[in-house]
Amino acid sequence: MQKMTEQEMVEGFQDALKFNNIYVCYQPQFNHITGRMIGAEALMRWKHPIFGVQMPSDFIPILEKNNLIYDADIYVFEMVCKSQRAGLDHGREIVPISVNMSRYDIYNNDYVKTIEEIRKKYNVPVKYLRIEITESSAIGGTELISNVLKELHSYGYLVEMDDFGSGYSSLNILKDLEVDIIKLDMKFLQGNVGGRGGIILSSIVQMARWLDTPIIVEGVETIEQANYMKSLGCNYIQGYLYAKPMDEEAFIEKSNQIHHEVMQPAINLIDNLEAGKFWDPSSLETLIFSNYVGAATVFSYDSIDEKMEILRVNSKYVEEIGMGRTEKEIIKVKSWSEVDDENKRIYLDTVKRSIESGEEESCETWRQFCTDLCGEEKICVRTDMRVIGKTGDTYLFYALCRNVTDEKRAFDELYKSERRFRFASEQANVYAWEYDIASKEMRPCYRCMRDLNLPPLLKNYPEPAIEVGIFPPDYADMYRDWHKQLENGVGTIEGIIPLTVGRVPFHVRYSTVYDENGRPLKAYGSATLVVDGEDKADGEKGEESGQENN
C-alpha cells in the first residue's frame, strides 16, 4: 500500500466512483444474548488500482476539505439501497443498514430529499435504512441538524448518534436532538473493564433507558467487554469479537448463516407515560413525584436474573426509608442485600403478581440496614408497586413506600394482647371490636356477632349499631361525638352506657392507635358488663372522660 497525496486523491476521486474503487464494506451488529444479527453499518473504503488500499482516516478528511464528501456519501447510500433491493428481490432476509451522514451533508439542503429519491428509486422500505450522525457534527449547528432530523423522521428514518460522549457537549446535544439510537465506543474502558470508564458507561446506559433510546456499543473486541456491557443492560454490540468489516459478498454470506432479530426500544412505557418527564424539573410528573406522593421510587426488575435496581428516589423516600443515607448511597445498594430469603420471596411474589395483573400490588417486608448514622436497624416497609414499562425481560416499576415499623410492632403487640383478651372475654361478659377511623369501618368480635347478631363488618359506624338499637336513642349523639373525638386524635374515651332495649349498663372504653406520623389510625373498643357495686354514673361521665384525655 502506498499513501496517496491530497492532489492524487482529489484528481482521482471521480474515477474512483465511476470504477467502484470506492466501495462499501459492512460491519454487522449483534445481540450478545441471542447471538442474532440486528443490523450493520455501511463503511466507505477506497482501493486504488495502483496505490492500493487507502485508510479512511487519510482520505475522508481530504474529501471533506475539498467538498467531495457529499458526493461520496450519496454514492455509498445508493450502493446500500442497491444491495438491499437485490436482497429483497432474491428473497433474502435482510437487516437494517446504517449509513453515515457527515456534517457537510447537513449543510447541503438537498441531502434528505436526495436520499429519499434514491430510496424510492430502488423501492427499499425505510425500515431497512438508518442514518448515522456523529456527535461532533452537531456541535455548533444544533438547530440546523435538529431540523434535518425532523425531516428524516418525517420520512420514517431512524437516526443514530455515533461516538456519543466523545465531545464536550454530549448531554446538551442529546437533550436537544431526538436521536433514536445511541452508539458508544469501548474506548471509554481503555482496555480495562470497570473503573471510571465503566461508571460513565453505566450512567449513560441508565440515562438512555429513561430516554427510551437503545444503545449499540461498537469497538467490542473481547468476550469480557461484551459480558460487562451485558451486565449493564446493554446487549447490542458491534466489533471484532463478532465480525470485522467485510465486503458485500462476505456480508451476504454471513447474513444468510445467522438468524436475525429486530432491535427493541430501551423501554416501552404504559399508559402513554413519558419517562423523560421525570427528569424535567418543570413537569407535572416530577412535581408530583417529588412533593405529593409520599416516599416514592422507580426501580427496574430483570425477570431472568431476578435482579432489582433502584433508579430514582424522591426526597421523602430518603427521609422515611433512607435511614440516614443519601440518595446516591440508596441507589448504589445491591439487589436484595437488605432482606432475608423470606422477605425476598414476599417481595418477588408481589413483583410477579404486578407483572401478571398489570395492576397495583402491595406487600410488607422487613429490611435490615447498617449505616454509620443509625447503626444496625430493622424496619418494615409497605410497598405499593405497579409496572410502568417493559423492554425484553426487564420491567420498570413505580412504587410508593411507607415505613410502617411502629405501626407493625404496635399491631403485633395488640394482637398478642387481643388474643389474651379474647380468651379472657370468653369467660366474662366482655365485648370487643376494632374501629378503622379513616374508613369508619367496625369489625366486631365473635361474641358481638353471636350475641348481638352483627355482621363481620359494619360500615359508616356507629350508625348501624344505633339503628338496630344497641345504643339507645338518648345516648346516640353522645356516642357519635365520641367518634368525632377519635378522629381528632383523642387517646382514650370511656363511660357507662346502657345498651340494648333492656338498657343493661356496660362500661364502654376506646383506646386509640396512631401511625408513625402521630395521626389516629385505629381505635379498639370494649364493653364490659357493670356488676353490682360498680359506678353506674350516666353517659355524661364518658363524655367528660373523653375530653380529659384529649
Protein backbone atom coordinates (compact mmCIF):
# COMPACT_ATOMS: atom_id res chain seq x y z
CA MET A 1 0.00 0.00 0.00
CA GLN A 2 1.26 3.45 -0.92
CA LYS A 3 -0.33 6.53 0.64
CA MET A 4 -1.79 8.87 -1.97
CA THR A 5 -1.21 12.60 -1.85
CA GLU A 6 -4.08 15.02 -1.45
CA GLN A 7 -3.80 16.07 -5.10
CA GLU A 8 -3.87 12.44 -6.29
CA MET A 9 -6.98 11.76 -4.23
CA VAL A 10 -8.83 14.85 -5.47
CA GLU A 11 -7.91 14.22 -9.11
CA GLY A 12 -8.75 10.50 -8.90
CA PHE A 13 -11.99 10.85 -6.94
CA GLN A 14 -14.49 10.82 -9.83
CA ASP A 15 -12.77 7.83 -11.46
CA ALA A 16 -12.86 6.07 -8.08
CA LEU A 17 -16.64 6.43 -8.04
CA LYS A 18 -17.01 5.52 -11.71
CA PHE A 19 -14.95 2.32 -11.49
CA ASN A 20 -16.09 1.35 -7.97
CA ASN A 21 -12.65 1.85 -6.45
CA ILE A 22 -14.61 3.50 -3.65
CA TYR A 23 -16.84 0.76 -2.36
CA VAL A 24 -18.87 -0.30 0.68
CA CYS A 25 -17.91 -2.66 3.48
CA TYR A 26 -20.35 -3.84 6.11
CA GLN A 27 -19.79 -4.48 9.82
CA PRO A 28 -22.64 -6.50 11.37
CA GLN A 29 -24.24 -5.68 14.73
CA PHE A 30 -25.42 -8.41 17.12
CA ASN A 31 -27.49 -9.09 20.20
CA HIS A 32 -24.91 -10.56 22.56
CA ILE A 33 -27.56 -12.51 24.47
CA THR A 34 -29.12 -14.29 21.48
CA GLY A 35 -26.20 -14.14 19.03
CA ARG A 36 -28.58 -12.87 16.36
CA MET A 37 -27.83 -10.11 13.87
CA ILE A 38 -29.80 -6.89 14.39
CA GLY A 39 -28.23 -4.66 11.73
CA ALA A 40 -24.99 -3.48 10.16
CA GLU A 41 -23.04 -0.29 9.48
CA ALA A 42 -22.00 0.65 5.94
CA LEU A 43 -18.36 1.81 5.84
CA MET A 44 -16.69 3.65 2.96
CA ARG A 45 -13.48 2.11 1.62
CA TRP A 46 -11.07 3.13 -1.17
CA LYS A 47 -8.77 0.73 -3.03
CA HIS A 48 -6.76 2.41 -5.77
CA PRO A 49 -5.69 0.10 -8.64
CA ILE A 50 -2.09 1.31 -8.34
CA PHE A 51 -1.62 2.72 -4.82
CA GLY A 52 -3.70 0.05 -3.10
CA VAL A 53 -5.92 0.43 -0.04
CA GLN A 54 -6.18 3.92 1.44
CA MET A 55 -7.06 4.37 5.09
CA PRO A 56 -10.39 6.12 5.84
CA SER A 57 -8.56 8.33 8.35
CA ASP A 58 -6.45 9.57 5.41
CA PHE A 59 -8.94 10.05 2.58
CA ILE A 60 -12.13 11.12 4.39
CA PRO A 61 -10.65 14.37 5.83
CA ILE A 62 -9.35 15.20 2.34
CA LEU A 63 -12.77 14.60 0.78
CA GLU A 64 -14.31 16.82 3.46
CA LYS A 65 -11.73 19.56 2.92
CA ASN A 66 -12.33 19.59 -0.85
CA ASN A 67 -16.14 19.44 -0.70
CA LEU A 68 -16.22 15.93 -2.14
CA ILE A 69 -17.63 14.08 0.85
CA TYR A 70 -21.25 14.84 -0.10
CA ASP A 71 -20.89 13.00 -3.43
CA ALA A 72 -19.12 10.14 -1.67
CA ASP A 73 -21.86 9.80 0.98
CA ILE A 74 -24.62 9.89 -1.64
CA TYR A 75 -22.71 7.23 -3.60
CA VAL A 76 -22.49 4.98 -0.52
CA PHE A 77 -26.19 5.46 0.22
CA GLU A 78 -27.11 4.42 -3.32
CA MET A 79 -24.84 1.37 -3.16
CA VAL A 80 -26.56 0.31 0.09
CA CYS A 81 -30.02 0.78 -1.47
CA LYS A 82 -28.94 -1.22 -4.48
CA SER A 83 -27.68 -4.05 -2.25
CA GLN A 84 -30.83 -4.05 -0.10
CA ARG A 85 -33.01 -4.16 -3.22
CA ALA A 86 -31.06 -7.12 -4.55
CA GLY A 87 -31.51 -8.92 -1.26
CA LEU A 88 -35.26 -8.37 -1.30
CA ASP A 89 -35.51 -9.46 -4.93
CA HIS A 90 -33.67 -12.70 -4.16
CA GLY A 91 -35.88 -13.39 -1.13
CA ARG A 92 -33.10 -12.99 1.40
CA GLU A 93 -33.83 -11.97 4.99
CA ILE A 94 -32.12 -8.59 5.30
CA VAL A 95 -31.28 -6.35 8.27
CA PRO A 96 -31.30 -2.54 8.57
CA ILE A 97 -28.12 -0.85 7.33
CA SER A 98 -26.79 2.35 8.92
CA VAL A 99 -25.32 4.90 6.51
CA ASN A 100 -23.11 7.73 7.72
CA MET A 101 -24.15 11.36 7.22
CA SER A 102 -21.36 13.92 7.66
CA ARG A 103 -21.70 17.49 8.89
CA TYR A 104 -21.01 18.59 5.29
CA ASP A 105 -24.08 16.68 4.13
CA ILE A 106 -26.14 18.53 6.73
CA TYR A 107 -25.23 21.91 5.28
CA ASN A 108 -26.48 20.76 1.88
CA ASN A 109 -30.22 21.48 1.89
CA ASP A 110 -30.93 18.76 -0.66
CA TYR A 111 -29.40 15.87 1.29
CA VAL A 112 -32.60 14.40 2.77
CA LYS A 113 -34.60 14.87 -0.44
CA THR A 114 -31.79 13.34 -2.45
CA ILE A 115 -31.50 10.16 -0.37
CA GLU A 116 -35.29 9.86 -0.28
CA GLU A 117 -35.39 9.97 -4.08
CA ILE A 118 -32.72 7.25 -4.21
CA ARG A 119 -34.62 5.09 -1.71
CA LYS A 120 -37.78 5.40 -3.78
CA LYS A 121 -35.83 4.66 -6.96
CA TYR A 122 -34.82 1.26 -5.56
CA ASN A 123 -38.11 0.84 -3.65
CA VAL A 124 -36.40 -0.09 -0.38
CA PRO A 125 -38.67 0.11 2.71
CA VAL A 126 -37.39 2.82 5.03
CA LYS A 127 -37.20 0.36 7.94
CA TYR A 128 -34.15 -1.23 6.26
CA LEU A 129 -32.17 2.03 6.24
CA ARG A 130 -30.79 4.15 9.08
CA ILE A 131 -28.91 7.41 9.09
CA GLU A 132 -25.90 7.76 11.38
CA ILE A 133 -24.54 11.11 12.51
CA THR A 134 -21.53 11.87 14.68
CA GLU A 135 -21.79 13.88 17.86
CA SER A 136 -19.12 16.29 16.60
CA SER A 137 -21.19 17.06 13.52
CA ALA A 138 -23.89 18.55 15.76
CA ILE A 139 -21.62 20.88 17.72
CA GLY A 140 -22.24 24.46 16.68
CA GLY A 141 -25.19 23.59 14.46
CA THR A 142 -27.76 22.05 16.77
CA GLU A 143 -30.72 23.95 15.33
CA LEU A 144 -29.81 23.04 11.77
CA ILE A 145 -29.26 19.36 12.48
CA SER A 146 -32.44 19.29 14.56
CA ASN A 147 -34.38 20.39 11.50
CA VAL A 148 -32.65 17.74 9.39
CA LEU A 149 -33.59 15.08 11.99
CA LYS A 150 -37.21 16.19 11.89
CA GLU A 151 -37.20 15.88 8.11
CA LEU A 152 -35.62 12.41 8.30
CA HIS A 153 -38.18 11.34 10.90
CA SER A 154 -40.99 12.63 8.70
CA TYR A 155 -39.94 10.07 6.09
CA GLY A 156 -39.63 7.31 8.70
CA TYR A 157 -35.83 7.05 9.03
CA LEU A 158 -34.28 6.09 12.36
CA VAL A 159 -31.29 8.24 13.30
CA GLU A 160 -28.25 7.00 15.22
CA MET A 161 -25.76 9.21 17.10
CA ASP A 162 -22.26 7.84 16.67
CA ASP A 163 -19.29 8.46 19.01
CA PHE A 164 -21.55 9.63 21.82
CA GLY A 165 -19.52 11.05 24.70
CA SER A 166 -16.50 11.94 22.60
CA GLY A 167 -17.34 15.67 22.57
CA TYR A 168 -17.69 18.22 25.32
CA SER A 169 -21.39 18.88 24.98
CA SER A 170 -22.80 15.36 24.94
CA LEU A 171 -25.65 15.91 27.37
CA ASN A 172 -26.73 19.20 25.84
CA ILE A 173 -26.73 17.69 22.36
CA LEU A 174 -28.68 14.64 23.49
CA LYS A 175 -31.18 16.91 25.22
CA ASP A 176 -31.77 18.95 22.07
CA LEU A 177 -31.60 16.24 19.40
CA GLU A 178 -34.19 13.48 19.21
CA VAL A 179 -31.98 10.63 18.06
CA ASP A 180 -33.38 7.10 18.02
CA ILE A 181 -30.25 5.08 18.79
CA ILE A 182 -27.03 5.93 20.66
CA LYS A 183 -23.69 4.38 19.68
CA LEU A 184 -20.94 4.15 22.28
CA ASP A 185 -17.31 3.27 21.74
CA MET A 186 -15.46 0.87 24.04
CA LYS A 187 -12.60 3.41 24.19
CA PHE A 188 -14.31 4.52 27.42
CA LEU A 189 -12.82 1.46 29.08
CA GLN A 190 -9.37 1.85 27.50
CA GLY A 191 -8.81 -1.88 27.58
CA ASN A 192 -9.89 -2.32 31.22
CA VAL A 193 -13.37 -3.43 32.20
CA GLY A 194 -14.81 -1.31 35.00
CA GLY A 195 -13.12 1.67 36.65
CA ARG A 196 -14.07 5.27 35.91
CA GLY A 197 -14.88 4.47 32.29
CA GLY A 198 -17.23 1.73 33.44
CA ILE A 199 -19.03 4.15 35.74
CA ILE A 200 -19.52 6.57 32.84
CA LEU A 201 -20.82 3.80 30.58
CA SER A 202 -23.20 2.59 33.28
CA SER A 203 -24.57 6.10 33.74
CA ILE A 204 -25.09 6.57 30.00
CA VAL A 205 -26.90 3.24 29.71
CA GLN A 206 -29.12 4.24 32.64
CA MET A 207 -29.86 7.60 31.09
CA ALA A 208 -30.58 6.09 27.69
CA ARG A 209 -33.21 3.83 29.24
CA TRP A 210 -35.05 6.88 30.55
CA LEU A 211 -34.89 8.44 27.08
CA ASP A 212 -36.36 5.28 25.51
CA THR A 213 -33.18 5.06 23.40
CA PRO A 214 -31.43 1.76 22.56
CA ILE A 215 -27.64 1.64 22.70
CA ILE A 216 -25.19 -0.10 20.38
CA VAL A 217 -21.66 -0.49 21.72
CA GLU A 218 -19.02 -0.52 19.00
CA GLY A 219 -15.39 -1.48 19.17
CA VAL A 220 -16.10 -4.61 21.24
CA GLU A 221 -13.11 -6.91 20.85
CA THR A 222 -13.26 -9.33 23.80
CA ILE A 223 -15.88 -11.53 25.41
CA GLU A 224 -15.05 -9.82 28.71
CA GLN A 225 -16.08 -6.44 27.29
CA ALA A 226 -19.28 -7.87 25.80
CA ASN A 227 -20.24 -9.56 29.06
CA TYR A 228 -19.54 -6.39 31.00
CA MET A 229 -21.85 -4.35 28.76
CA LYS A 230 -24.47 -7.07 29.10
CA SER A 231 -24.24 -6.72 32.89
CA LEU A 232 -25.05 -3.01 32.47
CA GLY A 233 -28.13 -3.89 30.44
CA CYS A 234 -26.63 -3.16 27.02
CA ASN A 235 -26.87 -6.19 24.73
CA TYR A 236 -26.31 -4.73 21.25
CA ILE A 237 -22.69 -4.76 20.14
CA GLN A 238 -20.56 -4.15 17.06
CA GLY A 239 -16.90 -5.07 16.82
CA TYR A 240 -14.19 -7.58 16.04
CA LEU A 241 -15.48 -10.01 18.67
CA TYR A 242 -18.26 -10.99 16.27
CA ALA A 243 -17.14 -9.67 12.89
CA LYS A 244 -14.70 -7.32 11.18
CA PRO A 245 -15.86 -5.03 8.37
CA MET A 246 -16.32 -7.18 5.25
CA ASP A 247 -17.15 -6.71 1.60
CA GLU A 248 -20.68 -7.13 0.33
CA GLU A 249 -20.27 -10.73 -0.78
CA ALA A 250 -18.87 -11.86 2.59
CA PHE A 251 -21.55 -9.91 4.43
CA ILE A 252 -24.34 -11.55 2.45
CA GLU A 253 -22.85 -14.99 3.13
CA LYS A 254 -22.60 -14.30 6.87
CA SER A 255 -26.08 -12.80 6.97
CA ASN A 256 -27.50 -15.93 5.38
CA GLN A 257 -25.85 -18.10 8.05
CA ILE A 258 -27.14 -16.22 11.10
CA HIS A 259 -30.62 -15.68 12.47
CA HIS A 260 -31.87 -12.11 12.59
CA GLU A 261 -33.99 -10.16 15.06
CA VAL A 262 -35.43 -6.67 15.38
CA MET A 263 -33.93 -4.18 17.85
CA GLN A 264 -36.13 -3.47 20.83
CA PRO A 265 -36.62 0.04 22.22
CA ALA A 266 -34.91 0.80 25.51
CA ILE A 267 -38.21 0.84 27.36
CA ASN A 268 -41.88 0.86 26.41
CA LEU A 269 -43.96 2.82 28.90
CA ILE A 270 -47.60 2.05 29.56
CA ASP A 271 -50.49 4.48 29.55
CA ASN A 272 -48.57 6.97 27.40
CA LEU A 273 -46.30 7.80 30.36
CA GLU A 274 -43.32 9.83 29.18
CA ALA A 275 -40.32 8.73 31.25
CA GLY A 276 -38.33 11.75 30.21
CA LYS A 277 -40.70 13.99 32.13
CA PHE A 278 -39.40 12.52 35.39
CA TRP A 279 -36.13 14.35 34.63
CA ASP A 280 -37.84 17.62 33.69
CA PRO A 281 -37.93 19.78 36.86
CA SER A 282 -40.87 21.76 35.50
CA SER A 283 -43.05 18.77 34.57
CA LEU A 284 -46.14 17.72 36.48
CA GLU A 285 -44.71 14.21 36.84
CA THR A 286 -41.64 15.50 38.67
CA LEU A 287 -43.73 17.86 40.78
CA ILE A 288 -45.95 15.00 41.91
CA PHE A 289 -43.06 12.54 42.33
CA SER A 290 -41.04 14.98 44.41
CA ASN A 291 -43.69 16.64 46.54
CA TYR A 292 -47.10 15.00 46.71
CA VAL A 293 -46.90 11.22 46.64
CA GLY A 294 -45.01 10.44 49.84
CA ALA A 295 -41.95 8.20 49.71
CA ALA A 296 -41.61 7.02 46.10
CA THR A 297 -39.09 5.15 43.99
CA VAL A 298 -38.63 3.96 40.43
CA PHE A 299 -36.84 0.62 40.02
CA SER A 300 -36.06 -1.90 37.29
CA TYR A 301 -36.51 -5.67 37.55
CA ASP A 302 -34.75 -8.27 35.38
CA SER A 303 -37.09 -11.27 35.25
CA ILE A 304 -34.29 -13.61 34.09
CA ASP A 305 -31.71 -12.86 36.79
CA GLU A 306 -34.34 -11.64 39.31
CA LYS A 307 -32.18 -8.56 39.74
CA MET A 308 -33.71 -5.37 41.08
CA GLU A 309 -32.06 -1.96 40.65
CA ILE A 310 -33.25 1.33 42.15
CA LEU A 311 -33.13 4.06 39.51
CA ARG A 312 -34.56 7.04 41.36
CA VAL A 313 -35.97 8.00 44.77
CA ASN A 314 -37.59 11.22 45.92
CA SER A 315 -36.67 13.27 49.00
CA LYS A 316 -39.46 11.75 51.11
CA TYR A 317 -38.10 8.28 50.40
CA VAL A 318 -34.68 9.43 51.64
CA GLU A 319 -36.27 10.82 54.82
CA GLU A 320 -38.57 7.91 55.60
CA ILE A 321 -36.78 4.82 54.25
CA GLY A 322 -33.20 6.02 53.84
CA MET A 323 -32.12 5.53 57.47
CA GLY A 324 -29.66 8.41 57.27
CA ARG A 325 -28.29 7.55 53.84
CA THR A 326 -28.07 9.90 50.86
CA GLU A 327 -29.93 9.32 47.60
CA LYS A 328 -26.66 8.27 45.96
CA GLU A 329 -25.98 5.68 48.68
CA ILE A 330 -29.50 4.27 48.37
CA ILE A 331 -29.23 3.86 44.59
CA LYS A 332 -25.87 2.04 44.93
CA VAL A 333 -27.33 -0.69 47.19
CA LYS A 334 -27.03 -4.15 45.63
CA SER A 335 -30.13 -6.21 44.88
CA TRP A 336 -31.63 -8.00 47.88
CA SER A 337 -28.72 -7.14 50.19
CA GLU A 338 -31.12 -5.68 52.77
CA VAL A 339 -33.64 -8.54 53.00
CA ASP A 340 -33.51 -12.15 54.11
CA ASP A 341 -34.71 -15.03 51.95
CA GLU A 342 -38.26 -14.97 53.30
CA ASN A 343 -38.76 -11.24 52.71
CA LYS A 344 -37.10 -11.52 49.30
CA ARG A 345 -39.67 -14.19 48.39
CA ILE A 346 -42.52 -11.96 49.57
CA TYR A 347 -41.25 -9.01 47.52
CA LEU A 348 -40.58 -11.12 44.41
CA ASP A 349 -44.05 -12.67 44.59
CA THR A 350 -45.52 -9.17 44.65
CA VAL A 351 -43.39 -8.05 41.70
CA LYS A 352 -44.52 -11.07 39.68
CA ARG A 353 -48.18 -10.53 40.62
CA SER A 354 -47.93 -6.95 39.43
CA ILE A 355 -46.42 -8.07 36.11
CA GLU A 356 -49.17 -10.67 35.60
CA SER A 357 -52.09 -8.49 36.66
CA GLY A 358 -50.94 -5.17 35.26
CA GLU A 359 -52.39 -3.63 38.41
CA GLU A 360 -51.03 -2.18 41.63
CA GLU A 361 -49.93 -4.83 44.11
CA SER A 362 -48.83 -4.42 47.74
CA CYS A 363 -46.62 -6.15 50.27
CA GLU A 364 -44.91 -5.59 53.60
CA THR A 365 -41.28 -6.62 54.01
CA TRP A 366 -38.71 -6.29 56.79
CA ARG A 367 -35.37 -4.77 55.78
CA GLN A 368 -32.09 -4.84 57.67
CA PHE A 369 -29.88 -1.74 57.48
CA CYS A 370 -26.42 -0.97 58.78
CA THR A 371 -25.33 2.66 58.46
CA ASP A 372 -22.80 4.90 60.17
CA LEU A 373 -25.61 7.15 61.40
CA CYS A 374 -28.15 4.61 62.62
CA GLY A 375 -26.04 1.51 63.15
CA GLU A 376 -27.98 -1.72 62.68
CA GLU A 377 -31.69 -1.18 62.28
CA LYS A 378 -34.60 -3.29 61.10
CA ILE A 379 -37.65 -1.64 59.59
CA CYS A 380 -40.87 -2.80 57.96
CA VAL A 381 -41.73 -1.17 54.62
CA ARG A 382 -45.14 -1.30 52.98
CA THR A 383 -44.72 -1.09 49.18
CA ASP A 384 -47.45 -0.40 46.62
CA MET A 385 -45.97 -1.09 43.19
CA ARG A 386 -47.05 -1.05 39.58
CA VAL A 387 -45.37 -1.82 36.24
CA ILE A 388 -44.94 1.31 34.12
CA GLY A 389 -42.72 -0.05 31.36
CA LYS A 390 -41.08 -3.08 29.76
CA THR A 391 -38.22 -3.92 27.44
CA GLY A 392 -37.43 -7.55 26.70
CA ASP A 393 -37.18 -9.28 30.07
CA THR A 394 -36.70 -6.05 32.04
CA TYR A 395 -39.60 -4.21 33.69
CA LEU A 396 -39.79 -0.67 35.04
CA PHE A 397 -41.74 -0.18 38.28
CA TYR A 398 -43.14 2.82 40.11
CA ALA A 399 -43.58 2.24 43.85
CA LEU A 400 -44.94 4.12 46.83
CA CYS A 401 -43.27 3.13 50.09
CA ARG A 402 -44.11 3.68 53.72
CA ASN A 403 -42.19 2.92 56.90
CA VAL A 404 -44.76 1.03 58.97
CA THR A 405 -42.37 -0.29 61.62
CA ASP A 406 -44.01 1.41 64.61
CA GLU A 407 -47.46 0.53 63.38
CA LYS A 408 -46.45 -3.07 62.71
CA ARG A 409 -44.89 -3.51 66.15
CA ALA A 410 -47.89 -1.88 67.82
CA PHE A 411 -50.24 -4.18 65.96
CA ASP A 412 -48.16 -7.22 66.84
CA GLU A 413 -48.30 -6.27 70.50
CA LEU A 414 -52.00 -5.53 70.29
CA TYR A 415 -52.56 -8.85 68.53
CA LYS A 416 -50.82 -10.68 71.36
CA SER A 417 -52.83 -8.70 73.90
CA GLU A 418 -56.03 -9.26 71.94
CA ARG A 419 -55.51 -13.00 71.95
CA ARG A 420 -55.17 -12.92 75.70
CA PHE A 421 -58.13 -10.57 75.94
CA ARG A 422 -60.34 -12.69 73.67
CA PHE A 423 -59.55 -15.79 75.70
CA ALA A 424 -60.47 -13.97 78.90
CA SER A 425 -63.58 -12.39 77.37
CA GLU A 426 -64.97 -15.78 76.51
CA GLN A 427 -65.12 -16.38 80.24
CA ALA A 428 -66.53 -12.93 81.08
CA ASN A 429 -69.25 -10.55 79.94
CA VAL A 430 -66.96 -8.54 77.65
CA TYR A 431 -67.42 -7.47 74.03
CA ALA A 432 -64.62 -6.12 71.80
CA TRP A 433 -64.33 -4.53 68.38
CA GLU A 434 -61.88 -2.77 66.11
CA TYR A 435 -62.74 0.59 64.56
CA ASP A 436 -60.89 1.97 61.49
CA ILE A 437 -61.02 5.73 61.97
CA ALA A 438 -60.43 6.79 58.34
CA SER A 439 -62.89 4.38 56.71
CA LYS A 440 -65.39 4.31 59.64
CA GLU A 441 -65.48 0.52 59.46
CA MET A 442 -66.05 -1.60 62.56
CA ARG A 443 -65.10 -5.26 62.92
CA PRO A 444 -66.80 -6.95 65.89
CA CYS A 445 -65.51 -9.88 67.93
CA TYR A 446 -67.06 -13.32 67.76
CA ARG A 447 -69.26 -12.73 70.85
CA CYS A 448 -70.60 -9.48 69.33
CA MET A 449 -71.65 -11.36 66.22
CA ARG A 450 -73.06 -14.27 68.20
CA ASP A 451 -74.97 -12.38 70.88
CA LEU A 452 -75.91 -9.18 69.02
CA ASN A 453 -76.38 -10.71 65.58
CA LEU A 454 -73.84 -8.35 63.97
CA PRO A 455 -72.18 -8.96 60.58
CA PRO A 456 -68.38 -9.34 60.33
CA LEU A 457 -68.08 -5.76 59.02
CA LEU A 458 -70.15 -2.65 59.78
CA LYS A 459 -69.66 0.36 57.53
CA ASN A 460 -70.33 4.02 58.43
CA TYR A 461 -70.05 3.11 62.10
CA PRO A 462 -71.63 3.86 64.60
CA GLU A 463 -74.85 4.43 62.63
CA PRO A 464 -75.67 0.70 62.08
CA ALA A 465 -75.32 -0.01 65.84
CA ILE A 466 -77.60 2.95 66.66
CA GLU A 467 -80.16 1.93 64.04
CA VAL A 468 -80.57 -1.61 65.44
CA GLY A 469 -80.90 -0.29 69.00
CA ILE A 470 -77.64 -1.48 70.54
CA PHE A 471 -77.02 2.12 71.61
CA PRO A 472 -80.29 3.74 72.82
CA PRO A 473 -81.55 6.92 71.05
CA ASP A 474 -80.89 9.13 74.08
CA TYR A 475 -77.21 8.15 74.02
CA ALA A 476 -76.79 8.24 70.20
CA ASP A 477 -75.49 11.81 69.91
CA MET A 478 -73.03 11.27 72.74
CA TYR A 479 -71.70 8.12 71.07
CA ARG A 480 -71.40 9.92 67.74
CA ASP A 481 -69.41 12.65 69.49
CA TRP A 482 -67.02 10.02 70.85
CA HIS A 483 -66.15 9.05 67.27
CA LYS A 484 -65.56 12.66 66.29
CA GLN A 485 -63.14 12.89 69.20
CA LEU A 486 -61.37 9.77 67.93
CA GLU A 487 -60.98 11.43 64.51
CA ASN A 488 -59.44 14.45 66.24
CA GLY A 489 -56.85 12.25 67.96
CA VAL A 490 -58.18 11.70 71.48
CA GLY A 491 -56.24 8.97 73.27
CA THR A 492 -58.93 7.22 75.36
CA ILE A 493 -62.65 7.63 75.95
CA GLU A 494 -64.72 5.69 78.47
CA GLY A 495 -68.03 5.80 80.29
CA ILE A 496 -71.07 3.87 81.45
CA ILE A 497 -73.70 3.39 78.74
CA PRO A 498 -76.95 1.37 78.99
CA LEU A 499 -77.02 -0.94 75.96
CA THR A 500 -79.79 -2.75 74.05
CA VAL A 501 -83.51 -2.35 74.61
CA GLY A 502 -83.03 -3.79 78.08
CA ARG A 503 -80.74 -0.85 78.93
CA VAL A 504 -78.17 -3.13 80.53
CA PRO A 505 -75.28 -0.98 81.87
CA PHE A 506 -71.86 -1.57 80.27
CA HIS A 507 -68.53 0.14 80.82
CA VAL A 508 -67.59 1.19 77.25
CA ARG A 509 -64.00 2.15 76.52
CA TYR A 510 -61.94 3.19 73.43
CA SER A 511 -58.12 3.18 73.05
CA THR A 512 -56.52 4.83 70.01
CA VAL A 513 -53.54 3.63 67.96
CA TYR A 514 -51.55 6.13 65.88
CA ASP A 515 -49.38 5.83 62.78
CA GLU A 516 -45.71 6.88 62.69
CA ASN A 517 -46.71 10.48 61.96
CA GLY A 518 -48.95 10.71 65.00
CA ARG A 519 -52.22 10.53 63.09
CA PRO A 520 -55.06 8.46 64.61
CA LEU A 521 -55.26 5.16 62.75
CA LYS A 522 -57.47 2.70 64.62
CA ALA A 523 -59.38 2.54 67.90
CA TYR A 524 -60.02 -0.60 69.90
CA GLY A 525 -63.34 -0.66 71.72
CA SER A 526 -64.63 -2.82 74.55
CA ALA A 527 -67.85 -3.08 76.54
CA THR A 528 -67.72 -4.75 79.97
CA LEU A 529 -70.84 -5.61 81.94
CA VAL A 530 -71.24 -3.46 85.05
CA VAL A 531 -71.82 -5.69 88.05
CA ASP A 532 -73.45 -4.68 91.33
CA GLY A 533 -71.39 -2.21 93.35
CA GLU A 534 -69.69 -0.58 90.36
CA ASP A 535 -70.14 3.06 89.47
CA LYS A 536 -73.35 3.41 87.44
CA ALA A 537 -72.96 7.07 86.57
CA ASP A 538 -74.63 8.05 83.34
CA GLY A 539 -73.04 8.81 79.96
CA GLU A 540 -72.02 12.32 80.93
CA LYS A 541 -69.07 10.76 82.75
CA GLY A 542 -67.98 9.17 79.49
CA GLU A 543 -68.21 12.48 77.67
CA GLU A 544 -66.04 14.18 80.31
CA SER A 545 -63.56 11.32 80.30
CA GLY A 546 -63.02 11.72 76.56
CA GLN A 547 -62.34 15.40 76.95
CA GLU A 548 -59.87 14.87 79.79
CA ASN A 549 -57.76 12.52 77.69
CA ASN A 550 -57.81 14.73 74.62
